[in-house]
Amino acid sequence: MNKTILFAAFFLLAAAVSCKEENIGPAMENYPPEITFDSEDNIYTVKAGKEIRIAPTVSNAENAVYSWRTETGTLSEDSVFVYVFDEPGQVFVTLTVATEYGQDSEEIRIDVASLVIPEISLTVPDGGYNIALGSELKIIPAVRHGDVSVFSWKVNDIEVSSGPEYLFVGETIGTFDVEFTATAEDGSDMKAFAVNVLDPSEIPFEWTFESDEFNVSLGRRIRIRPYNIKNAEGAVYSWSVDGEEVQSGSEDMFIFEASEEGVYKVTATMSNSTVKVDKHLTVNVCPVEGTYRRPSTGNADWDRVYEFLPAPGQFVNENYTATTMEEAIQYAEGRLEAQQYVSLGGFGGYIVIGFDHSVENSGSYDFQIIGNSFDGSSEPGIVWVMQDENGNGLPDDTWYELKGSEYGKPETISDYEVTYYRPSAPQMPVQWTDNLGNSGEIDYLAAFHRQDYYYPAWVEDDTYVLKGTRLEPRTEMITENYWVNNEYEWGYADNFSPIDRLTDDDNYNAGANANHFRISDAVTFDGQPANLEYIDFIKVVTGVNVKAGWLGENSTEVFGARDYHLVPKE
């Protein structure tokens, strides 16, 4: 009995040793092949550009023929699958093993992941950064895969930091070569640039005016004020009208008022211990209000888009191409005519719309702006209005803000400015800085909006500045990944107002719905009632600088505007 068992065991061992192929199980005569993979659920992962090797176990594979196929063709005819996929994505591969006794097929899924190679985005001025002796420069690059990268900062080949950002201190005059390197498991990226530490007298003064020419009706005042002021330490501002100095001091704005119609030449001068700069402006004092008032045509709807300049955002450049302001206007007009919205992007993005008649001030609600707010989704737009004071049919006159419920509150910031920086690589966030010393990013949302750039393609410069009134955000995360943008009481576009929507409809489906506005809420630059009898143009500006997690930036949406006096009432 024991000898019989020993002989049987020896026979089985000999049969197992005689199997000739690696990963091929013992042959069973007249049975078809049987495939077994070593991955649970038959799922494998590999990175694009890297080799994957899959060696299944196949029993009954004597003289077998192998075929590894996708829907596009055969990838391999070897028993072991060795391949390099160039592009990320999911690939379904079917292995078929056939012998004279039959065949077996099994499908596997190969998840091809992108290589984790950092990519740096940092907008550097031509020639490098210029800073004054004794000042500081905070450098904050955006880095794709920065969360899994290590960093190195070198100044003149000496490593000075390993953090994601660097504070350069201008201690001595000279040019310093800076290198920033980000390294991850599959590669690295490097950005090299210069920082020039200069004597303060060598730093150029910069300022920007809204226009070289201003228009205002007789009897009104306007404020002329530069923005984006740089390198103005110790500045004295002087203002002259028709060659006569009328104001001088540290105040960087001038209130202009004239007693007669006409053309006035205004010169703004900035001077300090190192530089003197002049800016020549023209102020046209136009006929009194009402001279160019246009009668009603019976058309309630907006008539024309004059400007469309969004801040960077997830809907910018998506499914349209615009390389000039004219093309951007055509896009915006087409969207509004089709009763679709345009997105104004992050803070400061705006659209200017006009009517084919003057909209009268009734003392009550005078016009509507259509957005798509609903409970938990308010993305408020500040509304500005303008009369055609010079009668040329263009919005080149004086803008007046419509005060809303947040106007004048300590947390509401007037003359807020944000500078946006063009990314130096596609599919990267857009960096920004503001005039309060803050910085941040408009996130790139690859899961939802995959156009290469969120920076408007029709902006030629690598930076641009948007400004206006900023509201305190009311964005909050209720639970993990559940964000809400709470409403404001009244006075803002695309806002789920309990007052000026004039309806109790909760707009659950996020359809187009209107906020209503009073021309009588228009105020001057110093908060006084503007007392406008009518308006011709409307500007809507995104009024918050905030993002709601995975939802991205708050961006006002606009479907159009209507003269409420001409809208049929139920």
Protein backbone atom coordinates (compact mmCIF):
# COMPACT_ATOMS: atom_id res chain seq x y z
CA MET A 1 0.00 0.00 0.00
CA ASN A 2 2.73 2.51 0.95
CA LYS A 3 4.77 1.57 -2.15
CA THR A 4 1.79 2.25 -4.41
CA ILE A 5 1.27 5.74 -2.91
CA LEU A 6 4.98 6.55 -3.23
CA PHE A 7 4.99 5.51 -6.91
CA ALA A 8 1.92 7.66 -7.67
CA ALA A 9 3.50 10.71 -6.00
CA PHE A 10 6.71 10.24 -8.00
CA PHE A 11 4.72 10.04 -11.25
CA LEU A 12 2.89 13.33 -10.55
CA LEU A 13 6.14 15.11 -9.64
CA ALA A 14 7.76 13.97 -12.88
CA ALA A 15 4.78 15.18 -14.89
CA ALA A 16 4.95 18.63 -13.26
CA VAL A 17 8.68 19.00 -13.94
CA SER A 18 8.17 18.13 -17.60
CA CYS A 19 6.07 21.28 -18.26
CA LYS A 20 8.27 23.35 -20.54
CA GLU A 21 6.89 26.96 -20.49
CA GLU A 22 7.27 29.61 -17.78
CA ASN A 23 3.85 30.52 -16.32
CA ILE A 24 2.20 27.58 -18.15
CA GLY A 25 0.38 25.19 -15.84
CA PRO A 26 0.30 21.40 -16.17
CA ALA A 27 -1.22 20.16 -19.41
CA MET A 28 -4.47 18.26 -19.28
CA GLU A 29 -4.93 16.18 -22.42
CA ASN A 30 -7.80 17.24 -24.69
CA TYR A 31 -8.72 20.25 -22.49
CA PRO A 32 -8.82 23.88 -23.79
CA PRO A 33 -6.50 26.55 -22.35
CA GLU A 34 -7.44 28.41 -19.18
CA ILE A 35 -6.11 31.94 -18.43
CA THR A 36 -5.48 33.35 -14.97
CA PHE A 37 -4.17 36.88 -14.28
CA ASP A 38 -2.39 37.84 -11.09
CA SER A 39 -4.23 41.18 -10.69
CA GLU A 40 -7.45 41.43 -8.78
CA ASP A 41 -10.29 42.44 -11.13
CA ASN A 42 -7.83 42.18 -14.05
CA ILE A 43 -6.78 45.84 -13.65
CA TYR A 44 -3.18 47.00 -14.15
CA THR A 45 -1.57 50.43 -13.93
CA VAL A 46 1.40 51.95 -15.68
CA LYS A 47 2.68 55.42 -16.49
CA ALA A 48 2.75 56.81 -20.00
CA GLY A 49 6.15 56.17 -21.56
CA LYS A 50 6.98 53.38 -19.11
CA GLU A 51 7.11 49.65 -19.94
CA ILE A 52 4.46 47.31 -18.59
CA ARG A 53 5.01 43.52 -18.34
CA ILE A 54 2.07 41.17 -17.76
CA ALA A 55 2.72 37.41 -17.45
CA PRO A 56 -0.53 35.45 -17.07
CA THR A 57 -0.70 31.84 -15.98
CA VAL A 58 -2.15 29.64 -18.73
CA SER A 59 -2.94 25.98 -18.18
CA ASN A 60 -3.37 23.50 -21.04
CA ALA A 61 -1.19 25.70 -23.24
CA GLU A 62 0.74 23.06 -25.19
CA ASN A 63 1.52 24.55 -28.64
CA ALA A 64 -0.73 27.54 -27.85
CA VAL A 65 -1.12 30.64 -30.00
CA TYR A 66 -1.36 33.97 -28.15
CA SER A 67 -3.05 37.20 -29.23
CA TRP A 68 -3.24 40.46 -27.23
CA ARG A 69 -5.74 42.77 -28.96
CA THR A 70 -7.47 46.10 -28.49
CA GLU A 71 -10.35 47.43 -30.56
CA THR A 72 -7.80 48.98 -32.92
CA GLY A 73 -5.67 45.90 -33.56
CA THR A 74 -3.15 43.37 -32.27
CA LEU A 75 -0.52 44.61 -29.81
CA SER A 76 1.41 41.37 -29.22
CA GLU A 77 1.50 37.64 -30.01
CA ASP A 78 3.85 36.63 -27.19
CA SER A 79 2.90 34.69 -24.09
CA VAL A 80 4.14 37.59 -21.94
CA PHE A 81 2.73 41.04 -22.75
CA VAL A 82 5.42 43.76 -22.88
CA TYR A 83 4.35 47.18 -24.12
CA VAL A 84 4.82 50.96 -23.77
CA PHE A 85 1.77 53.24 -23.96
CA ASP A 86 2.55 56.81 -24.97
CA GLU A 87 -0.69 58.50 -23.94
CA PRO A 88 -2.54 58.45 -20.60
CA GLY A 89 -6.00 56.91 -20.45
CA GLN A 90 -7.75 53.57 -20.09
CA VAL A 91 -6.93 50.72 -22.48
CA PHE A 92 -8.90 47.48 -22.65
CA VAL A 93 -6.85 44.52 -23.91
CA THR A 94 -8.20 41.05 -24.65
CA LEU A 95 -5.87 38.05 -24.41
CA THR A 96 -6.90 35.03 -26.47
CA VAL A 97 -5.03 31.72 -26.11
CA ALA A 98 -5.87 28.99 -28.64
CA THR A 99 -4.82 25.35 -29.04
CA GLU A 100 -6.12 22.46 -31.10
CA TYR A 101 -8.50 21.67 -28.21
CA GLY A 102 -10.12 25.10 -27.97
CA GLN A 103 -9.44 28.60 -26.72
CA ASP A 104 -9.93 30.96 -23.78
CA SER A 105 -10.21 34.77 -23.70
CA GLU A 106 -9.89 37.25 -20.85
CA GLU A 107 -10.13 41.06 -20.90
CA ILE A 108 -7.90 43.25 -18.78
CA ARG A 109 -7.94 46.99 -18.17
CA ILE A 110 -4.72 48.96 -18.20
CA ASP A 111 -4.88 52.41 -16.59
CA VAL A 112 -2.17 54.54 -18.18
CA ALA A 113 -1.35 57.44 -15.86
CA SER A 114 0.43 60.63 -16.75
CA LEU A 115 4.05 60.99 -15.77
CA VAL A 116 4.50 63.02 -12.63
CA ILE A 117 6.82 65.67 -14.04
CA PRO A 118 6.59 69.13 -12.45
CA GLU A 119 5.88 72.14 -14.63
CA ILE A 120 6.61 75.65 -13.40
CA SER A 121 4.57 78.72 -14.32
CA LEU A 122 6.02 82.08 -13.36
CA THR A 123 5.61 85.33 -15.27
CA VAL A 124 8.91 87.22 -15.16
CA PRO A 125 9.31 90.71 -16.68
CA ASP A 126 11.68 91.07 -19.61
CA GLY A 127 15.17 91.46 -18.18
CA GLY A 128 14.09 90.10 -14.81
CA TYR A 129 12.63 91.66 -11.70
CA ASN A 130 13.74 95.16 -10.66
CA ILE A 131 13.63 96.01 -6.96
CA ALA A 132 15.02 98.87 -4.95
CA LEU A 133 17.94 98.47 -2.58
CA GLY A 134 16.63 97.43 0.83
CA SER A 135 13.29 96.17 -0.46
CA GLU A 136 11.92 92.64 -0.67
CA LEU A 137 10.49 90.53 -3.47
CA LYS A 138 8.24 87.57 -2.71
CA ILE A 139 8.40 85.03 -5.54
CA ILE A 140 5.54 82.52 -5.69
CA PRO A 141 5.60 80.17 -8.70
CA ALA A 142 2.74 77.89 -9.65
CA VAL A 143 3.90 74.28 -9.98
CA ARG A 144 1.97 71.42 -11.54
CA HIS A 145 2.41 68.35 -9.28
CA GLY A 146 3.80 70.69 -6.65
CA ASP A 147 2.19 68.60 -3.93
CA VAL A 148 4.55 65.70 -4.71
CA SER A 149 7.63 67.73 -5.61
CA VAL A 150 10.69 68.89 -3.76
CA PHE A 151 12.06 72.36 -4.40
CA SER A 152 15.37 74.11 -4.62
CA TRP A 153 16.14 77.83 -4.85
CA LYS A 154 19.61 78.98 -5.82
CA VAL A 155 20.97 82.51 -5.95
CA ASN A 156 24.25 82.79 -7.85
CA ASP A 157 24.58 78.97 -7.66
CA ILE A 158 24.21 78.89 -3.88
CA GLU A 159 21.18 77.04 -2.52
CA VAL A 160 19.18 79.37 -0.30
CA SER A 161 15.81 77.66 0.22
CA SER A 162 13.87 74.43 -0.27
CA GLY A 163 10.37 75.87 0.04
CA PRO A 164 7.68 76.40 -2.63
CA GLU A 165 8.20 80.18 -2.52
CA TYR A 166 11.09 82.50 -1.80
CA LEU A 167 11.53 85.94 -0.26
CA PHE A 168 14.39 87.74 -1.97
CA VAL A 169 15.89 90.59 0.06
CA GLY A 170 17.75 93.26 -1.89
CA GLU A 171 20.68 93.82 0.46
CA THR A 172 23.27 94.89 -2.12
CA ILE A 173 23.09 96.51 -5.54
CA GLY A 174 23.68 94.16 -8.46
CA THR A 175 22.19 91.50 -10.69
CA PHE A 176 21.48 88.16 -9.07
CA ASP A 177 20.87 84.93 -11.01
CA VAL A 178 18.03 82.95 -9.48
CA GLU A 179 17.17 79.33 -10.26
CA PHE A 180 14.05 77.57 -9.04
CA THR A 181 13.84 73.80 -9.53
CA ALA A 182 10.95 71.46 -8.83
CA THR A 183 11.65 67.71 -8.85
CA ALA A 184 9.26 64.74 -8.67
CA GLU A 185 9.59 61.00 -9.27
CA ASP A 186 9.49 61.19 -13.07
CA GLY A 187 11.46 64.35 -13.78
CA SER A 188 12.02 68.00 -12.98
CA ASP A 189 11.53 71.53 -14.28
CA MET A 190 13.63 74.63 -13.76
CA LYS A 191 13.04 78.36 -14.13
CA ALA A 192 15.99 80.75 -14.29
CA PHE A 193 15.72 84.53 -14.14
CA ALA A 194 17.46 87.64 -12.86
CA VAL A 195 16.68 89.90 -9.94
CA ASN A 196 18.16 93.36 -10.39
CA VAL A 197 18.71 95.28 -7.17
CA LEU A 198 18.89 98.95 -8.10
CA ASP A 199 19.34 102.29 -6.48
CA PRO A 200 15.86 103.78 -5.92
CA SER A 201 16.65 106.50 -8.44
CA GLU A 202 16.95 103.83 -11.15
CA ILE A 203 13.51 102.32 -10.56
CA PRO A 204 11.00 103.66 -13.10
CA PHE A 205 7.78 105.16 -11.78
CA GLU A 206 4.57 103.61 -13.11
CA TRP A 207 0.92 104.67 -13.11
CA THR A 208 -2.12 104.01 -15.25
CA PHE A 209 -5.13 106.19 -16.03
CA GLU A 210 -8.50 104.86 -17.14
CA SER A 211 -8.32 107.08 -20.20
CA ASP A 212 -6.50 110.03 -21.69
CA GLU A 213 -9.83 111.76 -22.24
CA PHE A 214 -12.79 112.25 -19.90
CA ASN A 215 -16.34 113.43 -20.60
CA VAL A 216 -18.69 114.98 -18.05
CA SER A 217 -21.87 117.02 -18.22
CA LEU A 218 -21.82 120.64 -17.13
CA GLY A 219 -22.64 120.96 -13.44
CA ARG A 220 -21.07 117.65 -12.43
CA ARG A 221 -17.80 116.69 -10.80
CA ILE A 222 -15.53 113.82 -11.75
CA ARG A 223 -12.64 112.19 -9.96
CA ILE A 224 -9.42 111.65 -11.91
CA ARG A 225 -7.23 109.09 -10.20
CA PRO A 226 -4.42 106.88 -11.47
CA TYR A 227 -4.25 103.25 -10.48
CA ASN A 228 -1.64 100.48 -10.48
CA ILE A 229 0.86 102.98 -9.04
CA LYS A 230 4.36 101.58 -8.54
CA ASN A 231 7.64 102.94 -7.19
CA ALA A 232 6.13 106.18 -5.92
CA GLU A 233 7.97 106.49 -2.61
CA GLY A 234 7.83 110.04 -1.31
CA ALA A 235 5.64 111.13 -4.22
CA VAL A 236 4.13 114.59 -4.55
CA TYR A 237 1.23 114.89 -7.00
CA SER A 238 0.54 118.19 -8.71
CA TRP A 239 -2.47 118.96 -10.89
CA SER A 240 -2.85 121.84 -13.30
CA VAL A 241 -5.76 122.91 -15.50
CA ASP A 242 -4.96 124.82 -18.68
CA GLY A 243 -1.47 125.49 -17.39
CA GLU A 244 -2.46 126.72 -13.93
CA GLU A 245 -1.60 124.58 -10.91
CA VAL A 246 -4.69 123.97 -8.81
CA GLN A 247 -3.59 121.24 -6.39
CA SER A 248 -0.36 119.80 -4.97
CA GLY A 249 0.38 117.29 -2.24
CA SER A 250 0.43 113.61 -1.39
CA GLU A 251 -3.13 113.06 -2.62
CA ASP A 252 -3.08 110.98 -5.80
CA MET A 253 -6.53 112.05 -7.03
CA PHE A 254 -8.05 115.24 -8.37
CA ILE A 255 -11.68 116.37 -8.33
CA PHE A 256 -12.46 118.26 -11.52
CA GLU A 257 -15.38 120.66 -11.85
CA ALA A 258 -15.95 123.45 -14.37
CA SER A 259 -18.46 126.28 -14.62
CA GLU A 260 -18.56 126.36 -18.42
CA GLU A 261 -18.71 123.93 -21.32
CA GLY A 262 -15.49 123.41 -23.22
CA VAL A 263 -12.27 121.45 -23.57
CA TYR A 264 -9.88 121.58 -20.60
CA LYS A 265 -6.28 120.42 -20.54
CA VAL A 266 -5.32 118.72 -17.29
CA THR A 267 -1.76 117.76 -16.41
CA ALA A 268 -0.94 115.35 -13.60
CA THR A 269 2.64 115.46 -12.31
CA MET A 270 4.28 112.98 -9.97
CA SER A 271 7.63 113.96 -8.50
CA ASN A 272 9.91 112.73 -5.75
CA SER A 273 13.60 112.98 -4.96
CA THR A 274 14.60 110.93 -8.00
CA VAL A 275 12.08 111.40 -10.81
CA LYS A 276 9.43 113.67 -12.28
CA VAL A 277 6.70 112.33 -14.58
CA ASP A 278 3.89 114.19 -16.38
CA LYS A 279 0.62 112.84 -17.75
CA HIS A 280 -1.44 115.02 -20.08
CA LEU A 281 -5.20 114.54 -20.05
CA THR A 282 -8.25 116.13 -21.66
CA VAL A 283 -11.59 116.80 -19.97
CA ASN A 284 -14.55 117.62 -22.20
CA VAL A 285 -17.27 119.47 -20.31
CA CYS A 286 -20.40 118.54 -22.25
CA PRO A 287 -23.86 120.13 -22.44
CA VAL A 288 -26.15 119.73 -19.46
CA GLU A 289 -27.95 116.48 -18.70
CA GLY A 290 -30.79 115.73 -21.07
CA THR A 291 -29.24 117.22 -24.19
CA TYR A 292 -28.65 113.77 -25.69
CA ARG A 293 -31.51 111.90 -24.07
CA ARG A 294 -32.99 109.34 -26.49
CA PRO A 295 -36.71 108.56 -26.65
CA SER A 296 -38.12 105.11 -26.00
CA THR A 297 -38.28 102.75 -28.96
CA GLY A 298 -40.53 100.20 -27.33
CA ASN A 299 -37.68 97.65 -27.29
CA ALA A 300 -37.13 96.38 -23.77
CA ASP A 301 -34.01 94.33 -24.48
CA TRP A 302 -30.37 95.36 -24.54
CA ASP A 303 -29.19 96.50 -27.94
CA ARG A 304 -25.42 96.09 -28.10
CA VAL A 305 -22.35 94.78 -26.28
CA TYR A 306 -19.58 97.39 -26.22
CA GLU A 307 -16.89 95.62 -24.17
CA PHE A 308 -16.35 92.12 -22.84
CA LEU A 309 -13.28 91.52 -20.68
CA PRO A 310 -13.64 88.71 -18.16
CA ALA A 311 -11.13 87.96 -15.47
CA PRO A 312 -9.47 84.56 -15.89
CA GLY A 313 -11.90 81.74 -15.20
CA GLN A 314 -13.00 78.22 -16.06
CA PHE A 315 -15.37 79.34 -18.85
CA VAL A 316 -12.93 81.73 -20.54
CA ASN A 317 -11.77 80.50 -23.98
CA GLU A 318 -14.03 77.45 -23.66
CA ASN A 319 -15.63 76.44 -26.96
CA TYR A 320 -14.80 79.76 -28.60
CA THR A 321 -11.80 81.53 -30.08
CA ALA A 322 -11.38 85.29 -29.71
CA THR A 323 -8.05 87.01 -30.27
CA THR A 324 -9.29 90.63 -30.33
CA MET A 325 -11.79 92.64 -28.30
CA GLU A 326 -13.97 92.83 -31.42
CA GLU A 327 -14.10 89.04 -31.65
CA ALA A 328 -14.81 88.78 -27.92
CA ILE A 329 -17.70 91.22 -28.32
CA GLN A 330 -19.09 89.17 -31.21
CA TYR A 331 -18.92 86.05 -29.03
CA ALA A 332 -20.70 87.80 -26.15
CA GLU A 333 -23.42 89.23 -28.39
CA GLY A 334 -24.00 85.81 -29.94
CA ARG A 335 -24.38 84.21 -26.54
CA LEU A 336 -26.81 86.83 -25.24
CA GLU A 337 -28.85 86.78 -28.44
CA ALA A 338 -29.21 83.01 -27.98
CA GLN A 339 -30.34 83.62 -24.38
CA GLN A 340 -27.18 82.00 -23.04
CA TYR A 341 -24.94 83.47 -20.39
CA VAL A 342 -21.47 84.91 -20.56
CA SER A 343 -19.22 84.33 -17.57
CA LEU A 344 -17.27 87.31 -16.24
CA GLY A 345 -14.61 85.13 -14.56
CA GLY A 346 -13.01 86.10 -11.27
CA PHE A 347 -12.95 89.50 -9.59
CA GLY A 348 -13.13 92.53 -11.88
CA GLY A 349 -14.25 90.75 -15.05
CA TYR A 350 -16.86 92.89 -16.80
CA ILE A 351 -19.28 93.39 -19.68
CA VAL A 352 -20.64 96.72 -20.99
CA ILE A 353 -24.14 96.67 -22.49
CA GLY A 354 -26.19 99.46 -24.07
CA PHE A 355 -29.81 100.12 -25.02
CA ASP A 356 -31.27 101.68 -28.16
CA HIS A 357 -32.95 104.34 -26.01
CA SER A 358 -32.45 106.08 -22.68
CA VAL A 359 -33.80 104.17 -19.69
CA GLU A 360 -35.71 106.57 -17.46
CA ASN A 361 -35.30 106.99 -13.70
CA SER A 362 -38.74 106.34 -12.22
CA GLY A 363 -37.63 106.30 -8.60
CA SER A 364 -38.47 102.59 -8.49
CA TYR A 365 -37.11 99.61 -10.39
CA ASP A 366 -35.96 100.71 -13.85
CA PHE A 367 -34.06 97.82 -15.43
CA GLN A 368 -33.30 94.13 -15.04
CA ILE A 369 -30.08 92.18 -15.32
CA ILE A 370 -30.59 88.48 -15.94
CA GLY A 371 -28.36 85.93 -14.21
CA ASN A 372 -28.79 82.33 -13.04
CA SER A 373 -28.66 82.52 -9.26
CA PHE A 374 -30.42 80.04 -7.03
CA ASP A 375 -30.47 79.20 -3.35
CA GLY A 376 -26.84 78.61 -2.35
CA SER A 377 -25.41 79.98 -5.59
CA SER A 378 -24.99 83.75 -5.64
CA GLU A 379 -22.06 85.21 -7.57
CA PRO A 380 -22.67 88.94 -7.16
CA GLY A 381 -21.90 91.47 -9.85
CA ILE A 382 -21.49 95.16 -9.05
CA VAL A 383 -23.60 97.28 -11.40
CA TRP A 384 -22.47 100.62 -12.86
CA VAL A 385 -24.47 102.98 -15.07
CA MET A 386 -23.59 105.75 -17.50
CA GLN A 387 -25.29 108.49 -19.50
CA ASP A 388 -24.17 109.29 -23.04
CA GLU A 389 -23.00 112.72 -21.92
CA ASN A 390 -21.18 113.69 -25.11
CA GLY A 391 -23.81 112.25 -27.44
CA ASN A 392 -21.49 110.05 -29.53
CA GLY A 393 -23.31 106.81 -28.76
CA LEU A 394 -20.33 105.22 -26.99
CA PRO A 395 -19.74 104.39 -23.30
CA ASP A 396 -16.81 106.81 -22.92
CA ASP A 397 -18.36 109.09 -20.31
CA THR A 398 -18.64 108.84 -16.50
CA TRP A 399 -19.54 105.62 -14.68
CA TYR A 400 -21.67 105.73 -11.52
CA GLU A 401 -21.90 102.79 -9.14
CA LEU A 402 -25.31 101.56 -8.05
CA LYS A 403 -25.16 101.13 -4.30
CA GLY A 404 -26.38 97.82 -2.96
CA SER A 405 -26.95 96.46 0.52
CA GLU A 406 -23.19 96.21 1.20
CA TYR A 407 -22.27 99.71 0.03
CA GLY A 408 -20.35 101.73 2.62
CA LYS A 409 -19.80 98.83 5.02
CA PRO A 410 -16.27 98.52 6.49
CA GLU A 411 -15.74 95.13 4.86
CA THR A 412 -16.62 96.47 1.39
CA ILE A 413 -13.49 97.71 -0.41
CA SER A 414 -13.61 100.45 -3.03
CA ASP A 415 -10.85 100.95 -5.61
CA TYR A 416 -9.76 97.33 -5.22
CA GLU A 417 -7.30 96.19 -7.91
CA VAL A 418 -6.23 92.72 -9.01
CA THR A 419 -3.36 92.00 -11.41
CA TYR A 420 -3.61 88.72 -13.33
CA TYR A 421 -0.56 86.95 -14.81
CA ARG A 422 -0.55 84.86 -17.97
CA PRO A 423 0.52 81.25 -17.24
CA SER A 424 3.77 80.26 -18.93
CA ALA A 425 2.48 76.74 -19.67
CA PRO A 426 -0.90 75.29 -20.69
CA GLN A 427 -3.39 73.83 -18.22
CA MET A 428 -1.94 75.80 -15.31
CA PRO A 429 -3.62 78.04 -12.72
CA VAL A 430 -3.65 81.80 -13.27
CA GLN A 431 -1.79 83.69 -10.57
CA TRP A 432 -2.92 87.05 -9.22
CA THR A 433 -1.84 89.77 -6.82
CA ASP A 434 -3.89 92.64 -5.44
CA ASN A 435 -3.23 96.17 -4.23
CA LEU A 436 -3.54 95.04 -0.61
CA GLY A 437 -0.49 92.77 -0.78
CA ASN A 438 -2.42 89.52 -1.22
CA SER A 439 -1.84 86.84 -3.84
CA GLY A 440 -3.56 83.70 -5.05
CA GLU A 441 -4.62 81.62 -8.03
CA ILE A 442 -7.56 80.98 -10.30
CA ASP A 443 -7.47 77.18 -10.16
CA TYR A 444 -7.22 75.04 -13.28
CA LEU A 445 -10.12 72.57 -13.10
CA ALA A 446 -8.98 69.70 -15.30
CA ALA A 447 -11.96 67.56 -14.35
CA PHE A 448 -14.43 70.01 -15.88
CA HIS A 449 -12.87 72.58 -18.21
CA ARG A 450 -9.83 71.44 -20.18
CA GLN A 451 -9.11 74.34 -22.52
CA ASP A 452 -5.39 75.14 -22.35
CA TYR A 453 -5.68 78.61 -20.85
CA TYR A 454 -8.16 80.41 -18.60
CA TYR A 455 -6.41 83.73 -19.36
CA PRO A 456 -8.36 85.66 -22.06
CA ALA A 457 -6.72 85.01 -25.43
CA TRP A 458 -7.48 88.55 -26.63
CA VAL A 459 -5.42 90.17 -23.86
CA GLU A 460 -2.06 90.82 -25.52
CA ASP A 461 -0.04 91.67 -22.42
CA ASP A 462 1.27 89.05 -20.00
CA THR A 463 -0.45 90.90 -17.16
CA TYR A 464 -3.60 92.96 -16.89
CA VAL A 465 -5.31 94.84 -14.09
CA LEU A 466 -9.02 94.81 -13.24
CA LYS A 467 -10.51 97.02 -10.58
CA GLY A 468 -13.74 97.90 -8.86
CA THR A 469 -15.64 97.41 -5.62
CA ARG A 470 -15.03 94.18 -3.72
CA LEU A 471 -17.63 92.65 -1.45
CA GLU A 472 -16.87 90.47 1.54
CA PRO A 473 -17.34 86.88 0.25
CA ARG A 474 -20.15 84.75 1.60
CA THR A 475 -18.76 81.46 0.35
CA GLU A 476 -18.52 78.60 2.83
CA MET A 477 -18.01 74.85 2.93
CA ILE A 478 -20.97 73.27 4.72
CA THR A 479 -19.62 69.72 4.72
CA GLU A 480 -16.65 68.17 2.95
CA ASN A 481 -16.87 69.04 -0.76
CA TYR A 482 -20.25 70.76 -0.31
CA TRP A 483 -19.88 74.49 -0.95
CA VAL A 484 -22.45 77.28 -0.98
CA ASN A 485 -22.27 80.88 -2.14
CA ASN A 486 -24.75 82.68 0.08
CA GLU A 487 -26.84 85.61 -1.13
CA TYR A 488 -26.67 89.32 -0.39
CA GLU A 489 -29.74 91.32 0.57
CA TRP A 490 -30.18 93.47 -2.56
CA GLY A 491 -28.50 95.48 -5.29
CA TYR A 492 -26.32 92.95 -7.18
CA ALA A 493 -26.56 90.98 -10.41
CA ASP A 494 -26.64 87.16 -10.37
CA ASN A 495 -27.61 87.27 -6.70
CA PHE A 496 -30.37 85.19 -5.09
CA SER A 497 -31.81 88.27 -3.43
CA PRO A 498 -34.91 87.93 -1.25
CA ILE A 499 -35.84 91.48 -2.31
CA ASP A 500 -34.94 92.54 -5.84
CA ARG A 501 -35.68 89.30 -7.72
CA LEU A 502 -39.37 90.15 -7.18
CA THR A 503 -40.32 86.47 -6.95
CA ASP A 504 -40.45 83.65 -4.42
CA ASP A 505 -39.41 81.08 -7.02
CA ASP A 506 -36.41 79.11 -5.70
CA ASN A 507 -35.09 78.64 -9.28
CA TYR A 508 -34.15 75.08 -8.40
CA ASN A 509 -33.03 74.30 -11.96
CA ALA A 510 -30.69 77.33 -12.16
CA GLY A 511 -32.59 78.92 -15.00
CA ALA A 512 -32.27 82.52 -16.12
CA ASN A 513 -33.80 84.91 -13.59
CA ALA A 514 -33.59 88.66 -13.09
CA ASN A 515 -32.47 91.08 -10.45
CA HIS A 516 -34.04 94.55 -10.61
CA PHE A 517 -32.25 97.86 -10.21
CA ARG A 518 -33.06 101.50 -9.51
CA ILE A 519 -31.23 104.31 -11.27
CA SER A 520 -31.92 106.36 -8.15
CA ASP A 521 -29.33 104.19 -6.33
CA ALA A 522 -26.52 105.63 -8.46
CA VAL A 523 -23.85 107.40 -6.41
CA THR A 524 -20.87 109.59 -7.19
CA PHE A 525 -17.28 108.69 -6.36
CA ASP A 526 -17.74 110.08 -2.84
CA GLY A 527 -21.04 108.36 -2.12
CA GLN A 528 -23.38 111.24 -2.87
CA PRO A 529 -26.57 110.67 -4.89
CA ALA A 530 -25.82 111.06 -8.59
CA ASN A 531 -29.39 112.20 -9.34
CA LEU A 532 -29.37 110.79 -12.86
CA GLU A 533 -32.58 111.33 -14.82
CA TYR A 534 -31.83 108.41 -17.14
CA ILE A 535 -29.05 106.07 -18.26
CA ASP A 536 -27.84 104.65 -21.58
CA PHE A 537 -25.22 102.04 -20.64
CA ILE A 538 -24.74 99.36 -17.99
CA LYS A 539 -21.54 97.70 -16.78
CA VAL A 540 -21.60 94.51 -14.70
CA VAL A 541 -18.42 93.60 -12.79
CA THR A 542 -17.69 90.45 -10.76
CA GLY A 543 -17.68 91.76 -7.19
CA VAL A 544 -15.96 89.04 -5.12
CA ASN A 545 -12.51 87.49 -5.15
CA VAL A 546 -13.10 84.00 -3.82
CA LYS A 547 -13.24 80.38 -4.91
CA ALA A 548 -15.48 77.57 -3.70
CA GLY A 549 -13.21 74.54 -3.60
CA TRP A 550 -13.76 72.15 -6.50
CA LEU A 551 -16.42 74.51 -7.95
CA GLY A 552 -13.72 77.04 -8.73
CA GLU A 553 -13.83 80.82 -8.77
CA ASN A 554 -16.98 82.85 -8.13
CA SER A 555 -17.89 84.41 -11.47
CA THR A 556 -20.91 86.54 -12.25
CA GLU A 557 -23.02 85.20 -15.13
CA VAL A 558 -25.01 87.55 -17.35
CA PHE A 559 -27.75 86.62 -19.85
CA GLY A 560 -28.64 90.19 -20.77
CA ALA A 561 -30.47 93.31 -19.56
CA ARG A 562 -33.94 94.80 -20.09
CA ASP A 563 -35.70 98.10 -19.56
CA TYR A 564 -38.14 97.10 -16.83
CA HIS A 565 -40.59 99.83 -17.82
CA LEU A 566 -41.12 98.02 -21.14
CA VAL A 567 -41.31 94.47 -19.79
CA PRO A 568 -44.89 93.14 -19.75
CA LYS A 569 -46.08 92.71 -16.16
CA GLU A 570 -48.15 89.75 -15.06
